[in-house]
């Protein structure tokens, strides 16, 4: 704030001193023209331009923080304003023909101001592009953040579908296998009923971490809904996916989670299903996966 106030003061004070010095020089060297000799069209044009440049300068100083870009733009506008101010004074004050320095005061600040303004606008453009890129990145992260589950936190079903669409296209282009693996906790509702929702949330968090630790770095784990997880397995055949499914079932069964209130160990079990992509789209592949999981659940209930 102090640097901005200092910039305001120095710029406007410097312009005021320069404008006053120009006026004093012309008054000392020349004489005021008679009223009839004044070209009021030129006065309106040059005076209006000077006023506009001053207004732009004030708006710039009030709307931007202090810095290199603001200094360049402010100095450029100040030079342009001073040049038009000297042009305006020339309409009221007549100088002897032998004096040539007044032309320099009128014309020289203009190209200098335009150069400074151009350089400032260039850096302003670069600055805005960087800001826009940052804002775009933040917006993208915010949108993607909404696609992640707050509890686990893993990708949601919507995030899975988006990534699955991309993976299916890539697998088709590169002629590589792609599989999906579902993991569903058996009788998880009993955990919530017996120990409460908070304990159930802790169990889901523990299972999510366990599954991540048993996956490869290229695999994507998402929480499809409730106690159901889905793993996207790029470059993975159905046989490889079934082997991984068995490993995950064993890992879940070996999980030594103890309840927070009583320290009682929970014995968890999971059903799994695998679906390999052929000519399916994302919805068809997920439908096949859910059907496979439903069959696995039925087989488990018959065995029980």
Foldseek 3Di string as FASTA:
>chain_A
DVLLVVVVCVLVVVLVVLLVVLLVVLVVAWAFDDPVQFDVVLLCVLVVQLVVLVVVLVVLSVPDDDDDLSVLLNLLSSLQSQLSSLSNVCRTTDGDPVDDCSVCSNPVSNVVSVVSNVVSVVVVVVVVVVVVVVVVVVVVVVVQVVQFDPLQTAGEQVVVQVVQQVLVVVCVVVVAKKKKKKKAKPPLVVVCVPQNDVQSSVLLNVLSVLLVVLDDPPKGWGAHDDRMIMIIDTRDDQVRNVVSNVVSQVSLQPDQDAGPPPRHGDGIGIAMFMFMDDPDRSVVRVVVRVVRRVVRVVVVVVVD
